Each structure stands twice: as C-alpha cells, then as structure tokens.
N, C-alpha and C. Protein backbone atom coordinates (compact mmCIF):
# COMPACT_ATOMS: atom_id res chain seq x y z
N UNK A 1 -29.48 8.97 -25.19
CA UNK A 1 -30.64 9.80 -25.44
C UNK A 1 -30.56 10.32 -26.87
N UNK A 2 -31.66 10.22 -27.62
CA UNK A 2 -31.64 10.67 -29.02
C UNK A 2 -31.42 12.18 -29.12
N UNK A 3 -30.72 12.57 -30.15
CA UNK A 3 -30.50 14.00 -30.43
C UNK A 3 -31.63 14.47 -31.34
N UNK A 4 -32.51 15.31 -30.81
CA UNK A 4 -33.67 15.78 -31.57
C UNK A 4 -33.45 17.19 -32.07
N UNK A 5 -34.00 17.46 -33.24
CA UNK A 5 -33.97 18.83 -33.77
C UNK A 5 -35.00 19.65 -32.99
N UNK A 6 -34.87 20.97 -33.03
CA UNK A 6 -35.87 21.80 -32.35
C UNK A 6 -37.30 21.53 -32.84
N UNK A 7 -37.46 21.29 -34.14
CA UNK A 7 -38.79 21.01 -34.69
C UNK A 7 -39.32 19.68 -34.16
N UNK A 8 -38.45 18.67 -34.09
CA UNK A 8 -38.87 17.38 -33.54
C UNK A 8 -39.27 17.52 -32.08
N UNK A 9 -38.52 18.30 -31.33
CA UNK A 9 -38.86 18.54 -29.92
C UNK A 9 -40.23 19.20 -29.80
N UNK A 10 -40.47 20.18 -30.65
CA UNK A 10 -41.74 20.90 -30.62
C UNK A 10 -42.90 19.96 -30.97
N UNK A 11 -42.73 19.17 -32.00
CA UNK A 11 -43.79 18.24 -32.41
C UNK A 11 -44.01 17.17 -31.35
N UNK A 12 -42.94 16.66 -30.76
CA UNK A 12 -43.07 15.67 -29.69
C UNK A 12 -43.84 16.26 -28.51
N UNK A 13 -43.59 17.52 -28.23
CA UNK A 13 -44.30 18.20 -27.15
C UNK A 13 -45.80 18.27 -27.44
N UNK A 14 -46.16 18.58 -28.68
CA UNK A 14 -47.58 18.63 -29.04
C UNK A 14 -48.20 17.23 -28.99
N UNK A 15 -47.44 16.23 -29.39
CA UNK A 15 -47.92 14.84 -29.30
C UNK A 15 -48.18 14.47 -27.84
N UNK A 16 -47.31 14.92 -26.96
CA UNK A 16 -47.47 14.64 -25.53
C UNK A 16 -48.75 15.28 -24.99
N UNK A 17 -49.20 16.34 -25.63
CA UNK A 17 -50.45 17.00 -25.23
C UNK A 17 -51.66 16.34 -25.87
N UNK A 18 -51.42 15.30 -26.68
CA UNK A 18 -52.52 14.56 -27.28
C UNK A 18 -53.01 15.09 -28.62
N UNK A 19 -52.23 15.97 -29.24
CA UNK A 19 -52.64 16.53 -30.53
C UNK A 19 -52.38 15.54 -31.66
N UNK A 20 -53.28 15.53 -32.63
CA UNK A 20 -53.12 14.70 -33.82
C UNK A 20 -52.18 15.41 -34.80
N UNK A 21 -51.76 14.68 -35.82
CA UNK A 21 -50.92 15.30 -36.86
C UNK A 21 -51.63 16.47 -37.51
N UNK A 22 -52.92 16.31 -37.77
CA UNK A 22 -53.68 17.40 -38.40
C UNK A 22 -53.72 18.63 -37.50
N UNK A 23 -53.91 18.42 -36.21
CA UNK A 23 -53.95 19.55 -35.27
C UNK A 23 -52.59 20.23 -35.16
N UNK A 24 -51.53 19.44 -35.10
CA UNK A 24 -50.18 20.01 -35.03
C UNK A 24 -49.87 20.78 -36.31
N UNK A 25 -50.31 20.26 -37.44
CA UNK A 25 -50.08 20.95 -38.71
C UNK A 25 -50.73 22.33 -38.70
N UNK A 26 -51.92 22.42 -38.17
CA UNK A 26 -52.61 23.71 -38.08
C UNK A 26 -51.88 24.64 -37.12
N UNK A 27 -51.51 24.12 -35.96
CA UNK A 27 -50.83 24.93 -34.95
C UNK A 27 -49.52 25.49 -35.48
N UNK A 28 -48.75 24.67 -36.19
CA UNK A 28 -47.43 25.08 -36.67
C UNK A 28 -47.44 25.63 -38.09
N UNK A 29 -48.63 25.69 -38.68
CA UNK A 29 -48.77 26.20 -40.05
C UNK A 29 -47.88 25.43 -41.03
N UNK A 30 -47.94 24.11 -40.93
CA UNK A 30 -47.21 23.21 -41.82
C UNK A 30 -48.20 22.20 -42.38
N UNK A 31 -47.78 21.43 -43.36
CA UNK A 31 -48.67 20.40 -43.89
C UNK A 31 -48.66 19.19 -42.97
N UNK A 32 -49.73 18.43 -43.03
CA UNK A 32 -49.81 17.20 -42.23
C UNK A 32 -48.72 16.22 -42.66
N UNK A 33 -48.40 16.22 -43.94
CA UNK A 33 -47.33 15.36 -44.45
C UNK A 33 -45.99 15.70 -43.80
N UNK A 34 -45.72 16.98 -43.64
CA UNK A 34 -44.47 17.42 -42.99
C UNK A 34 -44.45 16.97 -41.53
N UNK A 35 -45.56 17.11 -40.84
CA UNK A 35 -45.63 16.69 -39.44
C UNK A 35 -45.39 15.18 -39.35
N UNK A 36 -46.04 14.41 -40.23
CA UNK A 36 -45.85 12.96 -40.22
C UNK A 36 -44.41 12.56 -40.54
N UNK A 37 -43.74 13.34 -41.39
CA UNK A 37 -42.33 13.11 -41.69
C UNK A 37 -41.50 13.23 -40.42
N UNK A 38 -41.74 14.28 -39.65
CA UNK A 38 -41.00 14.49 -38.40
C UNK A 38 -41.34 13.41 -37.37
N UNK A 39 -42.59 13.00 -37.33
CA UNK A 39 -42.99 11.95 -36.40
C UNK A 39 -42.32 10.63 -36.78
N UNK A 40 -42.21 10.34 -38.06
CA UNK A 40 -41.51 9.14 -38.51
C UNK A 40 -40.04 9.18 -38.07
N UNK A 41 -39.42 10.35 -38.17
CA UNK A 41 -38.03 10.50 -37.71
C UNK A 41 -37.94 10.29 -36.20
N UNK A 42 -38.91 10.82 -35.46
CA UNK A 42 -38.94 10.63 -34.01
C UNK A 42 -39.05 9.15 -33.66
N UNK A 43 -39.95 8.46 -34.35
CA UNK A 43 -40.14 7.02 -34.09
C UNK A 43 -38.84 6.27 -34.36
N UNK A 44 -38.15 6.61 -35.44
CA UNK A 44 -36.90 5.95 -35.78
C UNK A 44 -35.83 6.25 -34.72
N UNK A 45 -35.72 7.50 -34.31
CA UNK A 45 -34.70 7.87 -33.33
C UNK A 45 -34.92 7.20 -31.98
N UNK A 46 -36.18 7.03 -31.61
CA UNK A 46 -36.50 6.38 -30.34
C UNK A 46 -36.59 4.86 -30.47
N UNK A 47 -36.60 4.36 -31.70
CA UNK A 47 -36.69 2.92 -31.92
C UNK A 47 -38.02 2.33 -31.52
N UNK A 48 -39.10 3.07 -31.83
CA UNK A 48 -40.45 2.64 -31.47
C UNK A 48 -41.34 2.67 -32.71
N UNK A 49 -42.56 2.16 -32.57
CA UNK A 49 -43.45 2.06 -33.73
C UNK A 49 -44.63 3.02 -33.70
N UNK A 50 -44.75 3.84 -32.65
CA UNK A 50 -45.87 4.78 -32.61
C UNK A 50 -45.44 6.09 -31.95
N UNK A 51 -46.22 7.12 -32.20
CA UNK A 51 -45.94 8.42 -31.58
C UNK A 51 -46.12 8.33 -30.07
N UNK A 52 -47.09 7.55 -29.64
CA UNK A 52 -47.34 7.41 -28.20
C UNK A 52 -46.15 6.74 -27.52
N UNK A 53 -45.59 5.75 -28.16
CA UNK A 53 -44.42 5.08 -27.61
C UNK A 53 -43.22 6.04 -27.55
N UNK A 54 -43.10 6.91 -28.53
CA UNK A 54 -42.02 7.90 -28.53
C UNK A 54 -42.17 8.85 -27.35
N UNK A 55 -43.40 9.28 -27.09
CA UNK A 55 -43.66 10.17 -25.96
C UNK A 55 -43.31 9.46 -24.65
N UNK A 56 -43.74 8.22 -24.51
CA UNK A 56 -43.46 7.46 -23.30
C UNK A 56 -41.96 7.27 -23.10
N UNK A 57 -41.27 6.95 -24.17
CA UNK A 57 -39.81 6.74 -24.07
C UNK A 57 -39.12 8.05 -23.70
N UNK A 58 -39.57 9.17 -24.27
CA UNK A 58 -38.98 10.47 -23.93
C UNK A 58 -39.19 10.78 -22.45
N UNK A 59 -40.38 10.47 -21.94
CA UNK A 59 -40.65 10.68 -20.51
C UNK A 59 -39.73 9.82 -19.66
N UNK A 60 -39.58 8.55 -20.04
CA UNK A 60 -38.71 7.63 -19.29
C UNK A 60 -37.26 8.10 -19.30
N UNK A 61 -36.85 8.75 -20.38
CA UNK A 61 -35.48 9.26 -20.49
C UNK A 61 -35.30 10.60 -19.77
N UNK A 62 -36.40 11.15 -19.26
CA UNK A 62 -36.33 12.41 -18.53
C UNK A 62 -36.28 13.64 -19.41
N UNK A 63 -36.72 13.49 -20.65
CA UNK A 63 -36.70 14.64 -21.56
C UNK A 63 -37.87 15.57 -21.23
N UNK A 64 -37.62 16.87 -21.19
CA UNK A 64 -38.72 17.82 -20.92
C UNK A 64 -39.63 17.92 -22.15
N UNK A 65 -40.91 17.67 -21.97
CA UNK A 65 -41.84 17.69 -23.10
C UNK A 65 -42.78 18.87 -23.04
N UNK A 66 -43.21 19.23 -21.87
CA UNK A 66 -44.19 20.31 -21.74
C UNK A 66 -43.51 21.53 -21.17
N UNK A 67 -43.61 22.63 -21.93
CA UNK A 67 -42.98 23.85 -21.45
C UNK A 67 -43.99 24.98 -21.38
C-alpha cells in the first residue's frame, strides 16, 4: 500500500468526491498547479495514469477516502 502524505490523502479524498483540480484548489486555498503536483505524485505512487484510477486503486486497497 502506498505511503501517502496527509495532503495527498486529503486531495485523494476530494477526488473521490468528484472534485476537479480547480475546485480542490479553491477548497484548500492552494493553486491549481499545486493540486496537480500532488495528483501527479498520487498517480506515480499508485502506478496509474489518471486520478480516477488512483481513487479506484485506493478503494481496492481498502484505504479510507471519505471521512
């Protein structure tokens, strides 16, 4: 199971809720570029090519996404 930072966990959770990078940036008061940076790290850690695939893989691994 990938070791995620708290920020990556938070962003993955918002992705699981269907939020776009722009929406997550507004929610977290960060730039969209910063959000996309974290999403790229998530994709690399999960070995997938999309945010949706990262969410699906996290669910399959039993990671809690929605709190």
